[in-house]
PDB file of all heavy atoms in Angstrom:
ATOM      1  N   PHE A   1      33.752  15.168 -22.569  1.00  0.00           N
ATOM      2  CA  PHE A   1      34.592  13.959 -22.490  1.00  0.00           C
ATOM      3  C   PHE A   1      34.097  13.030 -23.541  1.00  0.00           C
ATOM      4  O   PHE A   1      32.944  12.471 -23.371  1.00  0.00           O
ATOM      5  CB  PHE A   1      34.566  13.323 -21.171  1.00  0.00           C
ATOM      6  CG  PHE A   1      35.029  14.349 -20.070  1.00  0.00           C
ATOM      7  CD1 PHE A   1      34.173  15.148 -19.452  1.00  0.00           C
ATOM      8  CD2 PHE A   1      36.410  14.387 -19.737  1.00  0.00           C
ATOM      9  CE1 PHE A   1      34.535  16.036 -18.468  1.00  0.00           C
ATOM     10  CE2 PHE A   1      36.754  15.281 -18.741  1.00  0.00           C
ATOM     11  CZ  PHE A   1      35.999  16.109 -18.107  1.00  0.00           C
ATOM     12  N   ILE A   2      34.756  12.840 -24.643  1.00  0.00           N
ATOM     13  CA  ILE A   2      34.290  12.032 -25.796  1.00  0.00           C
ATOM     14  C   ILE A   2      35.120  10.726 -25.928  1.00  0.00           C
ATOM     15  O   ILE A   2      36.349  10.920 -26.091  1.00  0.00           O
ATOM     16  CB  ILE A   2      34.300  12.860 -27.144  1.00  0.00           C
ATOM     17  CG1 ILE A   2      33.686  14.226 -26.945  1.00  0.00           C
ATOM     18  CG2 ILE A   2      33.712  12.045 -28.240  1.00  0.00           C
ATOM     19  CD1 ILE A   2      32.175  14.123 -26.624  1.00  0.00           C
ATOM     20  N   PRO A   3      34.523   9.580 -25.932  1.00  0.00           N
ATOM     21  CA  PRO A   3      35.255   8.321 -26.049  1.00  0.00           C
ATOM     22  C   PRO A   3      35.959   8.325 -27.407  1.00  0.00           C
ATOM     23  O   PRO A   3      35.483   8.688 -28.465  1.00  0.00           O
ATOM     24  CB  PRO A   3      34.214   7.287 -25.940  1.00  0.00           C
ATOM     25  CG  PRO A   3      33.001   7.932 -25.289  1.00  0.00           C
ATOM     26  CD  PRO A   3      33.065   9.311 -25.739  1.00  0.00           C
ATOM     27  N   VAL A   4      37.279   7.890 -27.411  1.00  0.00           N
ATOM     28  CA  VAL A   4      38.062   7.700 -28.639  1.00  0.00           C
ATOM     29  C   VAL A   4      38.424   6.231 -28.898  1.00  0.00           C
ATOM     30  O   VAL A   4      38.348   5.793 -29.995  1.00  0.00           O
ATOM     31  CB  VAL A   4      39.390   8.625 -28.518  1.00  0.00           C
ATOM     32  CG1 VAL A   4      38.927  10.075 -28.694  1.00  0.00           C
ATOM     33  CG2 VAL A   4      40.158   8.309 -27.255  1.00  0.00           C
ATOM     34  N   GLU A   5      38.712   5.486 -27.757  1.00  0.00           N
ATOM     35  CA  GLU A   5      38.991   4.081 -28.014  1.00  0.00           C
ATOM     36  C   GLU A   5      39.085   3.373 -26.700  1.00  0.00           C
ATOM     37  O   GLU A   5      39.430   3.931 -25.667  1.00  0.00           O
ATOM     38  CB  GLU A   5      40.363   3.947 -28.742  1.00  0.00           C
ATOM     39  CG  GLU A   5      41.598   4.480 -28.015  1.00  0.00           C
ATOM     40  CD  GLU A   5      42.859   4.297 -28.778  1.00  0.00           C
ATOM     41  OE1 GLU A   5      43.406   3.158 -28.526  1.00  0.00           O
ATOM     42  OE2 GLU A   5      43.266   5.068 -29.622  1.00  0.00           O
ATOM     43  N   ASP A   6      38.587   2.129 -26.581  1.00  0.00           N
ATOM     44  CA  ASP A   6      38.597   1.401 -25.413  1.00  0.00           C
ATOM     45  C   ASP A   6      37.948   2.221 -24.225  1.00  0.00           C
ATOM     46  O   ASP A   6      36.822   2.689 -24.392  1.00  0.00           O
ATOM     47  CB  ASP A   6      39.973   0.869 -25.008  1.00  0.00           C
ATOM     48  CG  ASP A   6      40.554  -0.031 -26.066  1.00  0.00           C
ATOM     49  OD1 ASP A   6      39.831  -0.693 -26.787  1.00  0.00           O
ATOM     50  OD2 ASP A   6      41.820   0.016 -26.313  1.00  0.00           O
ATOM     51  N   ASP A   7      38.638   2.398 -23.240  1.00  0.00           N
ATOM     52  CA  ASP A   7      38.152   3.249 -22.011  1.00  0.00           C
ATOM     53  C   ASP A   7      38.726   4.563 -21.989  1.00  0.00           C
ATOM     54  O   ASP A   7      38.645   5.210 -20.938  1.00  0.00           O
ATOM     55  CB  ASP A   7      38.432   2.388 -20.746  1.00  0.00           C
ATOM     56  CG  ASP A   7      37.770   1.079 -20.573  1.00  0.00           C
ATOM     57  OD1 ASP A   7      36.642   1.017 -21.137  1.00  0.00           O
ATOM     58  OD2 ASP A   7      38.338   0.131 -20.014  1.00  0.00           O
ATOM     59  N   LEU A   8      39.353   4.999 -23.054  1.00  0.00           N
ATOM     60  CA  LEU A   8      39.877   6.238 -23.087  1.00  0.00           C
ATOM     61  C   LEU A   8      39.002   7.372 -23.668  1.00  0.00           C
ATOM     62  O   LEU A   8      38.231   7.140 -24.567  1.00  0.00           O
ATOM     63  CB  LEU A   8      41.248   6.242 -23.975  1.00  0.00           C
ATOM     64  CG  LEU A   8      42.312   5.397 -23.520  1.00  0.00           C
ATOM     65  CD1 LEU A   8      43.465   5.441 -24.558  1.00  0.00           C
ATOM     66  CD2 LEU A   8      42.808   5.777 -22.199  1.00  0.00           C
ATOM     67  N   CYS A   9      39.011   8.554 -23.079  1.00  0.00           N
ATOM     68  CA  CYS A   9      38.258   9.682 -23.497  1.00  0.00           C
ATOM     69  C   CYS A   9      39.176  10.862 -23.832  1.00  0.00           C
ATOM     70  O   CYS A   9      40.201  11.016 -23.238  1.00  0.00           O
ATOM     71  CB  CYS A   9      37.254  10.137 -22.481  1.00  0.00           C
ATOM     72  SG  CYS A   9      35.860   9.005 -22.155  1.00  0.00           S
ATOM     73  N   ARG A  10      38.694  11.744 -24.763  1.00  0.00           N
ATOM     74  CA  ARG A  10      39.432  12.907 -25.052  1.00  0.00           C
ATOM     75  C   ARG A  10      38.638  14.150 -24.508  1.00  0.00           C
ATOM     76  O   ARG A  10      37.427  14.166 -24.582  1.00  0.00           O
ATOM     77  CB  ARG A  10      39.602  13.204 -26.609  1.00  0.00           C
ATOM     78  CG  ARG A  10      40.407  14.421 -26.912  1.00  0.00           C
ATOM     79  CD  ARG A  10      40.708  14.518 -28.371  1.00  0.00           C
ATOM     80  NE  ARG A  10      41.367  15.766 -28.646  1.00  0.00           N
ATOM     81  CZ  ARG A  10      41.813  16.071 -29.862  1.00  0.00           C
ATOM     82  NH1 ARG A  10      41.485  15.350 -30.920  1.00  0.00           N
ATOM     83  NH2 ARG A  10      42.450  17.254 -30.034  1.00  0.00           N
ATOM     84  N   LYS A  11      39.342  14.994 -23.837  1.00  0.00           N
ATOM     85  CA  LYS A  11      38.683  16.119 -23.118  1.00  0.00           C
ATOM     86  C   LYS A  11      38.766  17.407 -24.044  1.00  0.00           C
ATOM     87  O   LYS A  11      39.796  17.763 -24.572  1.00  0.00           O
ATOM     88  CB  LYS A  11      39.315  16.460 -21.788  1.00  0.00           C
ATOM     89  CG  LYS A  11      38.606  17.539 -21.014  1.00  0.00           C
ATOM     90  CD  LYS A  11      39.403  17.812 -19.722  1.00  0.00           C
ATOM     91  CE  LYS A  11      38.758  18.963 -18.905  1.00  0.00           C
ATOM     92  NZ  LYS A  11      39.449  19.230 -17.671  1.00  0.00           N
ATOM     93  N   TYR A  12      37.644  17.996 -24.131  1.00  0.00           N
ATOM     94  CA  TYR A  12      37.579  19.310 -24.914  1.00  0.00           C
ATOM     95  C   TYR A  12      36.964  20.377 -23.885  1.00  0.00           C
ATOM     96  O   TYR A  12      36.066  20.065 -23.110  1.00  0.00           O
ATOM     97  CB  TYR A  12      36.653  19.208 -26.096  1.00  0.00           C
ATOM     98  CG  TYR A  12      36.951  18.215 -27.087  1.00  0.00           C
ATOM     99  CD1 TYR A  12      36.534  16.929 -27.060  1.00  0.00           C
ATOM    100  CD2 TYR A  12      37.883  18.474 -28.160  1.00  0.00           C
ATOM    101  CE1 TYR A  12      36.886  15.872 -27.959  1.00  0.00           C
ATOM    102  CE2 TYR A  12      38.242  17.554 -29.106  1.00  0.00           C
ATOM    103  CZ  TYR A  12      37.717  16.281 -29.027  1.00  0.00           C
ATOM    104  OH  TYR A  12      38.007  15.299 -29.928  1.00  0.00           O
ATOM    105  N   GLU A  13      37.440  21.567 -23.989  1.00  0.00           N
ATOM    106  CA  GLU A  13      36.999  22.638 -23.137  1.00  0.00           C
ATOM    107  C   GLU A  13      36.534  23.863 -24.062  1.00  0.00           C
ATOM    108  O   GLU A  13      37.255  24.232 -25.007  1.00  0.00           O
ATOM    109  CB  GLU A  13      37.984  23.132 -22.214  1.00  0.00           C
ATOM    110  CG  GLU A  13      38.379  21.970 -21.124  1.00  0.00           C
ATOM    111  CD  GLU A  13      39.379  22.474 -20.085  1.00  0.00           C
ATOM    112  OE1 GLU A  13      40.510  22.587 -20.546  1.00  0.00           O
ATOM    113  OE2 GLU A  13      39.034  22.584 -18.915  1.00  0.00           O
ATOM    114  N   GLU A  14      35.431  24.528 -23.607  1.00  0.00           N
ATOM    115  CA  GLU A  14      34.944  25.698 -24.162  1.00  0.00           C
ATOM    116  C   GLU A  14      34.431  26.623 -23.206  1.00  0.00           C
ATOM    117  O   GLU A  14      33.971  26.142 -22.117  1.00  0.00           O
ATOM    118  CB  GLU A  14      33.892  25.328 -25.302  1.00  0.00           C
ATOM    119  CG  GLU A  14      34.319  24.598 -26.461  1.00  0.00           C
ATOM    120  CD  GLU A  14      33.173  24.351 -27.529  1.00  0.00           C
ATOM    121  OE1 GLU A  14      32.127  24.908 -27.312  1.00  0.00           O
ATOM    122  OE2 GLU A  14      33.444  23.698 -28.449  1.00  0.00           O
ATOM    123  N   ILE A  15      34.321  27.914 -23.556  1.00  0.00           N
ATOM    124  CA  ILE A  15      33.690  28.945 -22.643  1.00  0.00           C
ATOM    125  C   ILE A  15      32.729  29.687 -23.505  1.00  0.00           C
ATOM    126  O   ILE A  15      32.997  30.122 -24.608  1.00  0.00           O
ATOM    127  CB  ILE A  15      34.794  29.952 -22.062  1.00  0.00           C
ATOM    128  CG1 ILE A  15      35.801  29.225 -21.222  1.00  0.00           C
ATOM    129  CG2 ILE A  15      34.109  31.003 -21.279  1.00  0.00           C
ATOM    130  CD1 ILE A  15      36.933  30.051 -20.626  1.00  0.00           C
ATOM    131  N   HIS A  16      31.497  29.743 -22.961  1.00  0.00           N
ATOM    132  CA  HIS A  16      30.482  30.495 -23.669  1.00  0.00           C
ATOM    133  C   HIS A  16      29.924  31.653 -22.681  1.00  0.00           C
ATOM    134  O   HIS A  16      29.969  31.527 -21.439  1.00  0.00           O
ATOM    135  CB  HIS A  16      29.229  29.513 -23.831  1.00  0.00           C
ATOM    136  CG  HIS A  16      29.469  28.416 -24.683  1.00  0.00           C
ATOM    137  ND1 HIS A  16      28.693  28.077 -25.788  1.00  0.00           N
ATOM    138  CD2 HIS A  16      30.453  27.529 -24.737  1.00  0.00           C
ATOM    139  CE1 HIS A  16      29.162  27.055 -26.386  1.00  0.00           C
ATOM    140  NE2 HIS A  16      30.211  26.640 -25.766  1.00  0.00           N
ATOM    141  N   TYR A  17      29.591  32.768 -23.380  1.00  0.00           N
ATOM    142  CA  TYR A  17      29.164  33.978 -22.661  1.00  0.00           C
ATOM    143  C   TYR A  17      27.735  34.263 -23.141  1.00  0.00           C
ATOM    144  O   TYR A  17      27.549  34.282 -24.390  1.00  0.00           O
ATOM    145  CB  TYR A  17      30.016  35.116 -22.913  1.00  0.00           C
ATOM    146  CG  TYR A  17      31.509  34.833 -22.454  1.00  0.00           C
ATOM    147  CD1 TYR A  17      32.420  34.319 -23.337  1.00  0.00           C
ATOM    148  CD2 TYR A  17      31.876  35.161 -21.147  1.00  0.00           C
ATOM    149  CE1 TYR A  17      33.793  34.126 -22.936  1.00  0.00           C
ATOM    150  CE2 TYR A  17      33.208  34.998 -20.747  1.00  0.00           C
ATOM    151  CZ  TYR A  17      34.163  34.465 -21.614  1.00  0.00           C
ATOM    152  OH  TYR A  17      35.430  34.251 -21.241  1.00  0.00           O
ATOM    153  N   GLN A  18      26.882  34.554 -22.232  1.00  0.00           N
ATOM    154  CA  GLN A  18      25.505  35.078 -22.610  1.00  0.00           C
ATOM    155  C   GLN A  18      25.259  36.281 -21.659  1.00  0.00           C
ATOM    156  O   GLN A  18      25.624  36.329 -20.501  1.00  0.00           O
ATOM    157  CB  GLN A  18      24.468  33.990 -22.359  1.00  0.00           C
ATOM    158  CG  GLN A  18      24.457  32.885 -23.480  1.00  0.00           C
ATOM    159  CD  GLN A  18      23.331  32.048 -23.425  1.00  0.00           C
ATOM    160  OE1 GLN A  18      22.588  31.881 -22.392  1.00  0.00           O
ATOM    161  NE2 GLN A  18      22.899  31.511 -24.596  1.00  0.00           N
ATOM    162  N   GLN A  19      24.332  37.108 -22.207  1.00  0.00           N
ATOM    163  CA  GLN A  19      23.939  38.343 -21.488  1.00  0.00           C
ATOM    164  C   GLN A  19      22.491  38.289 -21.172  1.00  0.00           C
ATOM    165  O   GLN A  19      21.617  37.917 -22.120  1.00  0.00           O
ATOM    166  CB  GLN A  19      24.302  39.593 -22.278  1.00  0.00           C
ATOM    167  CG  GLN A  19      23.958  40.927 -21.697  1.00  0.00           C
ATOM    168  CD  GLN A  19      24.823  41.143 -20.470  1.00  0.00           C
ATOM    169  OE1 GLN A  19      26.011  40.881 -20.380  1.00  0.00           O
ATOM    170  NE2 GLN A  19      24.313  41.853 -19.406  1.00  0.00           N
ATOM    171  N   ALA A  20      22.072  38.609 -19.937  1.00  0.00           N
ATOM    172  CA  ALA A  20      20.700  38.716 -19.599  1.00  0.00           C
ATOM    173  C   ALA A  20      20.170  40.108 -19.835  1.00  0.00           C
ATOM    174  O   ALA A  20      20.834  41.104 -19.588  1.00  0.00           O
ATOM    175  CB  ALA A  20      20.526  38.411 -18.118  1.00  0.00           C
ATOM    176  N   TYR A  21      19.101  40.183 -20.609  1.00  0.00           N
ATOM    177  CA  TYR A  21      18.488  41.495 -20.956  1.00  0.00           C
ATOM    178  C   TYR A  21      17.028  41.524 -20.471  1.00  0.00           C
ATOM    179  O   TYR A  21      16.270  40.559 -20.494  1.00  0.00           O
ATOM    180  CB  TYR A  21      18.342  41.714 -22.438  1.00  0.00           C
ATOM    181  CG  TYR A  21      19.741  41.817 -23.151  1.00  0.00           C
ATOM    182  CD1 TYR A  21      20.336  40.814 -23.896  1.00  0.00           C
ATOM    183  CD2 TYR A  21      20.436  43.076 -23.103  1.00  0.00           C
ATOM    184  CE1 TYR A  21      21.574  40.982 -24.426  1.00  0.00           C
ATOM    185  CE2 TYR A  21      21.695  43.197 -23.720  1.00  0.00           C
ATOM    186  CZ  TYR A  21      22.242  42.205 -24.409  1.00  0.00           C
ATOM    187  OH  TYR A  21      23.440  42.271 -25.054  1.00  0.00           O
ATOM    188  N   THR A  22      16.581  42.597 -19.884  1.00  0.00           N
ATOM    189  CA  THR A  22      15.245  42.868 -19.516  1.00  0.00           C
ATOM    190  C   THR A  22      14.409  43.115 -20.753  1.00  0.00           C
ATOM    191  O   THR A  22      14.993  43.618 -21.766  1.00  0.00           O
ATOM    192  CB  THR A  22      15.108  43.968 -18.518  1.00  0.00           C
ATOM    193  OG1 THR A  22      15.378  45.205 -19.186  1.00  0.00           O
ATOM    194  CG2 THR A  22      15.932  43.849 -17.345  1.00  0.00           C
ATOM    195  N   LEU A  23      13.187  42.862 -20.702  1.00  0.00           N
ATOM    196  CA  LEU A  23      12.299  43.145 -21.849  1.00  0.00           C
ATOM    197  C   LEU A  23      12.249  44.642 -22.127  1.00  0.00           C
ATOM    198  O   LEU A  23      12.229  45.008 -23.329  1.00  0.00           O
ATOM    199  CB  LEU A  23      10.894  42.635 -21.553  1.00  0.00           C
ATOM    200  CG  LEU A  23       9.896  42.858 -22.665  1.00  0.00           C
ATOM    201  CD1 LEU A  23      10.337  42.284 -23.998  1.00  0.00           C
ATOM    202  CD2 LEU A  23       8.438  42.314 -22.154  1.00  0.00           C
ATOM    203  N   GLU A  24      12.395  45.395 -21.040  1.00  0.00           N
ATOM    204  CA  GLU A  24      12.406  46.949 -21.372  1.00  0.00           C
ATOM    205  C   GLU A  24      13.697  47.277 -22.181  1.00  0.00           C
ATOM    206  O   GLU A  24      13.617  48.186 -22.997  1.00  0.00           O
ATOM    207  CB  GLU A  24      12.432  47.623 -19.954  1.00  0.00           C
ATOM    208  CG  GLU A  24      11.064  47.584 -19.270  1.00  0.00           C
ATOM    209  CD  GLU A  24      10.808  46.146 -18.566  1.00  0.00           C
ATOM    210  OE1 GLU A  24      11.799  45.411 -18.472  1.00  0.00           O
ATOM    211  OE2 GLU A  24       9.628  45.814 -18.298  1.00  0.00           O
ATOM    212  N   GLU A  25      14.759  46.662 -21.800  1.00  0.00           N
ATOM    213  CA  GLU A  25      16.082  46.993 -22.590  1.00  0.00           C
ATOM    214  C   GLU A  25      15.978  46.539 -24.000  1.00  0.00           C
ATOM    215  O   GLU A  25      16.343  47.238 -24.945  1.00  0.00           O
ATOM    216  CB  GLU A  25      17.235  46.292 -21.863  1.00  0.00           C
ATOM    217  CG  GLU A  25      17.635  46.848 -20.554  1.00  0.00           C
ATOM    218  CD  GLU A  25      18.631  45.945 -19.774  1.00  0.00           C
ATOM    219  OE1 GLU A  25      18.660  44.793 -19.998  1.00  0.00           O
ATOM    220  OE2 GLU A  25      19.432  46.586 -19.047  1.00  0.00           O
ATOM    221  N   ILE A  26      15.288  45.398 -24.206  1.00  0.00           N
ATOM    222  CA  ILE A  26      15.075  44.886 -25.592  1.00  0.00           C
ATOM    223  C   ILE A  26      14.249  45.914 -26.454  1.00  0.00           C
ATOM    224  O   ILE A  26      14.489  46.185 -27.532  1.00  0.00           O
ATOM    225  CB  ILE A  26      14.557  43.474 -25.614  1.00  0.00           C
ATOM    226  CG1 ILE A  26      15.543  42.454 -25.017  1.00  0.00           C
ATOM    227  CG2 ILE A  26      14.097  43.040 -26.962  1.00  0.00           C
ATOM    228  CD1 ILE A  26      16.805  42.265 -25.864  1.00  0.00           C
ATOM    229  N   GLN A  27      13.092  46.253 -25.742  1.00  0.00           N
ATOM    230  CA  GLN A  27      12.154  47.118 -26.400  1.00  0.00           C
ATOM    231  C   GLN A  27      12.844  48.428 -26.812  1.00  0.00           C
ATOM    232  O   GLN A  27      12.634  49.029 -27.927  1.00  0.00           O
ATOM    233  CB  GLN A  27      10.947  47.417 -25.524  1.00  0.00           C
ATOM    234  CG  GLN A  27       9.810  48.255 -26.183  1.00  0.00           C
ATOM    235  CD  GLN A  27       8.668  48.390 -25.323  1.00  0.00           C
ATOM    236  OE1 GLN A  27       8.569  47.710 -24.344  1.00  0.00           O
ATOM    237  NE2 GLN A  27       7.661  49.138 -25.750  1.00  0.00           N
ATOM    238  N   THR A  28      13.595  49.011 -25.909  1.00  0.00           N
ATOM    239  CA  THR A  28      14.322  50.232 -26.195  1.00  0.00           C
ATOM    240  C   THR A  28      15.311  50.128 -27.349  1.00  0.00           C
ATOM    241  O   THR A  28      15.440  50.966 -28.251  1.00  0.00           O
ATOM    242  CB  THR A  28      15.084  50.763 -24.975  1.00  0.00           C
ATOM    243  OG1 THR A  28      14.120  50.975 -23.825  1.00  0.00           O
ATOM    244  CG2 THR A  28      15.874  51.998 -25.201  1.00  0.00           C
ATOM    245  N   LEU A  29      16.104  49.049 -27.359  1.00  0.00           N
ATOM    246  CA  LEU A  29      17.074  48.776 -28.425  1.00  0.00           C
ATOM    247  C   LEU A  29      16.412  48.584 -29.721  1.00  0.00           C
ATOM    248  O   LEU A  29      16.861  49.043 -30.806  1.00  0.00           O
ATOM    249  CB  LEU A  29      17.931  47.551 -28.112  1.00  0.00           C
ATOM    250  CG  LEU A  29      18.958  47.833 -26.938  1.00  0.00           C
ATOM    251  CD1 LEU A  29      19.629  46.497 -26.545  1.00  0.00           C
ATOM    252  CD2 LEU A  29      20.000  48.871 -27.353  1.00  0.00           C
ATOM    253  N   LEU A  30      15.230  47.888 -29.768  1.00  0.00           N
ATOM    254  CA  LEU A  30      14.502  47.672 -31.066  1.00  0.00           C
ATOM    255  C   LEU A  30      14.027  49.008 -31.588  1.00  0.00           C
ATOM    256  O   LEU A  30      14.160  49.298 -32.762  1.00  0.00           O
ATOM    257  CB  LEU A  30      13.275  46.760 -30.808  1.00  0.00           C
ATOM    258  CG  LEU A  30      13.585  45.258 -30.622  1.00  0.00           C
ATOM    259  CD1 LEU A  30      12.399  44.562 -30.175  1.00  0.00           C
ATOM    260  CD2 LEU A  30      14.016  44.689 -32.041  1.00  0.00           C
ATOM    261  N   GLU A  31      13.453  49.792 -30.715  1.00  0.00           N
ATOM    262  CA  GLU A  31      12.932  51.070 -31.127  1.00  0.00           C
ATOM    263  C   GLU A  31      14.134  52.070 -31.606  1.00  0.00           C
ATOM    264  O   GLU A  31      13.977  52.772 -32.548  1.00  0.00           O
ATOM    265  CB  GLU A  31      12.109  51.764 -30.067  1.00  0.00           C
ATOM    266  CG  GLU A  31      10.807  50.906 -29.891  1.00  0.00           C
ATOM    267  CD  GLU A  31       9.963  51.433 -28.679  1.00  0.00           C
ATOM    268  OE1 GLU A  31      10.502  52.196 -27.918  1.00  0.00           O
ATOM    269  OE2 GLU A  31       8.842  50.998 -28.478  1.00  0.00           O
ATOM    270  N   GLU A  32      15.196  52.038 -30.911  1.00  0.00           N
ATOM    271  CA  GLU A  32      16.343  52.789 -31.277  1.00  0.00           C
ATOM    272  C   GLU A  32      16.939  52.342 -32.615  1.00  0.00           C
ATOM    273  O   GLU A  32      17.478  53.182 -33.430  1.00  0.00           O
ATOM    274  CB  GLU A  32      17.470  52.705 -30.179  1.00  0.00           C
ATOM    275  CG  GLU A  32      18.623  53.654 -30.424  1.00  0.00           C
ATOM    276  CD  GLU A  32      19.655  53.638 -29.285  1.00  0.00           C
ATOM    277  OE1 GLU A  32      19.291  53.102 -28.266  1.00  0.00           O
ATOM    278  OE2 GLU A  32      20.778  54.131 -29.475  1.00  0.00           O
ATOM    279  N   ALA A  33      16.725  51.080 -32.878  1.00  0.00           N
ATOM    280  CA  ALA A  33      17.238  50.564 -34.227  1.00  0.00           C
ATOM    281  C   ALA A  33      16.270  50.847 -35.373  1.00  0.00           C
ATOM    282  O   ALA A  33      16.602  50.475 -36.498  1.00  0.00           O
ATOM    283  CB  ALA A  33      17.381  48.985 -34.100  1.00  0.00           C
ATOM    284  N   GLY A  34      15.153  51.520 -35.032  1.00  0.00           N
ATOM    285  CA  GLY A  34      14.198  51.891 -36.085  1.00  0.00           C
ATOM    286  C   GLY A  34      13.040  50.886 -36.281  1.00  0.00           C
ATOM    287  O   GLY A  34      12.189  51.074 -37.135  1.00  0.00           O
ATOM    288  N   MET A  35      12.994  49.935 -35.447  1.00  0.00           N
ATOM    289  CA  MET A  35      11.914  48.898 -35.540  1.00  0.00           C
ATOM    290  C   MET A  35      10.747  49.126 -34.755  1.00  0.00           C
ATOM    291  O   MET A  35      10.807  49.992 -33.749  1.00  0.00           O
ATOM    292  CB  MET A  35      12.441  47.479 -35.185  1.00  0.00           C
ATOM    293  CG  MET A  35      13.662  46.908 -35.939  1.00  0.00           C
ATOM    294  SD  MET A  35      13.882  45.213 -35.884  1.00  0.00           S
ATOM    295  CE  MET A  35      12.608  44.602 -36.933  1.00  0.00           C
ATOM    296  N   GLU A  36       9.638  48.569 -35.002  1.00  0.00           N
ATOM    297  CA  GLU A  36       8.430  48.723 -34.218  1.00  0.00           C
ATOM    298  C   GLU A  36       8.302  47.473 -33.346  1.00  0.00           C
ATOM    299  O   GLU A  36       8.199  46.281 -33.775  1.00  0.00           O
ATOM    300  CB  GLU A  36       7.188  48.737 -35.214  1.00  0.00           C
ATOM    301  CG  GLU A  36       5.851  48.763 -34.389  1.00  0.00           C
ATOM    302  CD  GLU A  36       4.718  48.702 -35.309  1.00  0.00           C
ATOM    303  OE1 GLU A  36       4.857  48.601 -36.533  1.00  0.00           O
ATOM    304  OE2 GLU A  36       3.564  48.645 -34.691  1.00  0.00           O
ATOM    305  N   TYR A  37       8.377  47.653 -32.031  1.00  0.00           N
ATOM    306  CA  TYR A  37       8.141  46.564 -31.025  1.00  0.00           C
ATOM    307  C   TYR A  37       6.646  46.287 -31.115  1.00  0.00           C
ATOM    308  O   TYR A  37       5.772  47.128 -30.933  1.00  0.00           O
ATOM    309  CB  TYR A  37       8.594  46.976 -29.686  1.00  0.00           C
ATOM    310  CG  TYR A  37       8.141  46.089 -28.601  1.00  0.00           C
ATOM    311  CD1 TYR A  37       8.803  44.867 -28.325  1.00  0.00           C
ATOM    312  CD2 TYR A  37       6.969  46.414 -27.770  1.00  0.00           C
ATOM    313  CE1 TYR A  37       8.400  43.992 -27.359  1.00  0.00           C
ATOM    314  CE2 TYR A  37       6.676  45.573 -26.720  1.00  0.00           C
ATOM    315  CZ  TYR A  37       7.328  44.345 -26.586  1.00  0.00           C
ATOM    316  OH  TYR A  37       6.838  43.481 -25.529  1.00  0.00           O
ATOM    317  N   ILE A  38       6.295  44.982 -31.224  1.00  0.00           N
ATOM    318  CA  ILE A  38       4.835  44.598 -31.255  1.00  0.00           C
ATOM    319  C   ILE A  38       4.419  43.979 -29.944  1.00  0.00           C
ATOM    320  O   ILE A  38       3.531  44.512 -29.284  1.00  0.00           O
ATOM    321  CB  ILE A  38       4.643  43.565 -32.435  1.00  0.00           C
ATOM    322  CG1 ILE A  38       4.980  44.157 -33.763  1.00  0.00           C
ATOM    323  CG2 ILE A  38       3.143  43.094 -32.379  1.00  0.00           C
ATOM    324  CD1 ILE A  38       4.783  43.247 -34.958  1.00  0.00           C
ATOM    325  N   THR A  39       5.090  42.918 -29.542  1.00  0.00           N
ATOM    326  CA  THR A  39       4.642  42.239 -28.319  1.00  0.00           C
ATOM    327  C   THR A  39       5.710  41.299 -27.809  1.00  0.00           C
ATOM    328  O   THR A  39       6.709  41.017 -28.550  1.00  0.00           O
ATOM    329  CB  THR A  39       3.275  41.578 -28.506  1.00  0.00           C
ATOM    330  OG1 THR A  39       2.768  41.164 -27.175  1.00  0.00           O
ATOM    331  CG2 THR A  39       3.491  40.289 -29.385  1.00  0.00           C
ATOM    332  N   ALA A  40       5.471  40.656 -26.714  1.00  0.00           N
ATOM    333  CA  ALA A  40       6.301  39.616 -26.153  1.00  0.00           C
ATOM    334  C   ALA A  40       5.403  38.556 -25.536  1.00  0.00           C
ATOM    335  O   ALA A  40       4.369  38.916 -24.964  1.00  0.00           O
ATOM    336  CB  ALA A  40       7.416  40.149 -25.195  1.00  0.00           C
ATOM    337  N   TYR A  41       5.797  37.339 -25.597  1.00  0.00           N
ATOM    338  CA  TYR A  41       5.067  36.249 -25.024  1.00  0.00           C
ATOM    339  C   TYR A  41       5.881  35.427 -24.037  1.00  0.00           C
ATOM    340  O   TYR A  41       7.046  35.183 -24.284  1.00  0.00           O
ATOM    341  CB  TYR A  41       4.471  35.295 -26.052  1.00  0.00           C
ATOM    342  CG  TYR A  41       3.629  35.992 -27.161  1.00  0.00           C
ATOM    343  CD1 TYR A  41       3.987  36.014 -28.462  1.00  0.00           C
ATOM    344  CD2 TYR A  41       2.378  36.438 -26.780  1.00  0.00           C
ATOM    345  CE1 TYR A  41       3.188  36.636 -29.375  1.00  0.00           C
ATOM    346  CE2 TYR A  41       1.508  37.006 -27.718  1.00  0.00           C
ATOM    347  CZ  TYR A  41       1.929  37.092 -29.013  1.00  0.00           C
ATOM    348  OH  TYR A  41       1.098  37.651 -30.005  1.00  0.00           O
ATOM    349  N   ASP A  42       5.198  34.819 -23.041  1.00  0.00           N
ATOM    350  CA  ASP A  42       5.828  33.799 -22.327  1.00  0.00           C
ATOM    351  C   ASP A  42       5.950  32.660 -23.259  1.00  0.00           C
ATOM    352  O   ASP A  42       5.050  32.322 -23.928  1.00  0.00           O
ATOM    353  CB  ASP A  42       4.968  33.366 -21.144  1.00  0.00           C
ATOM    354  CG  ASP A  42       5.537  32.227 -20.337  1.00  0.00           C
ATOM    355  OD1 ASP A  42       6.679  32.290 -19.956  1.00  0.00           O
ATOM    356  OD2 ASP A  42       4.744  31.344 -20.066  1.00  0.00           O
ATOM    357  N   ALA A  43       7.176  32.111 -23.353  1.00  0.00           N
ATOM    358  CA  ALA A  43       7.533  31.088 -24.472  1.00  0.00           C
ATOM    359  C   ALA A  43       6.353  30.005 -24.619  1.00  0.00           C
ATOM    360  O   ALA A  43       5.931  29.483 -23.617  1.00  0.00           O
ATOM    361  CB  ALA A  43       8.792  30.464 -24.189  1.00  0.00           C
ATOM    362  N   PHE A  44       6.058  29.811 -25.829  1.00  0.00           N
ATOM    363  CA  PHE A  44       5.126  28.756 -26.302  1.00  0.00           C
ATOM    364  C   PHE A  44       3.706  29.006 -25.835  1.00  0.00           C
ATOM    365  O   PHE A  44       2.920  27.973 -25.731  1.00  0.00           O
ATOM    366  CB  PHE A  44       5.697  27.327 -25.807  1.00  0.00           C
ATOM    367  CG  PHE A  44       7.082  27.223 -26.045  1.00  0.00           C
ATOM    368  CD1 PHE A  44       8.042  26.995 -25.029  1.00  0.00           C
ATOM    369  CD2 PHE A  44       7.678  27.320 -27.338  1.00  0.00           C
ATOM    370  CE1 PHE A  44       9.360  26.958 -25.182  1.00  0.00           C
ATOM    371  CE2 PHE A  44       9.023  27.245 -27.571  1.00  0.00           C
ATOM    372  CZ  PHE A  44       9.879  27.044 -26.497  1.00  0.00           C
TER     373      PHE A  44
END
């Protein structure tokens, strides 16, 4: 809801899709793609 003038707002709608992957799935796909999986870290 984005203000456009005075007390009026314009409404915009979007839909986003995300997929949850396990680390094991990621590792398998990396190796299948020909890459070398090195490691994974808890973020930061």
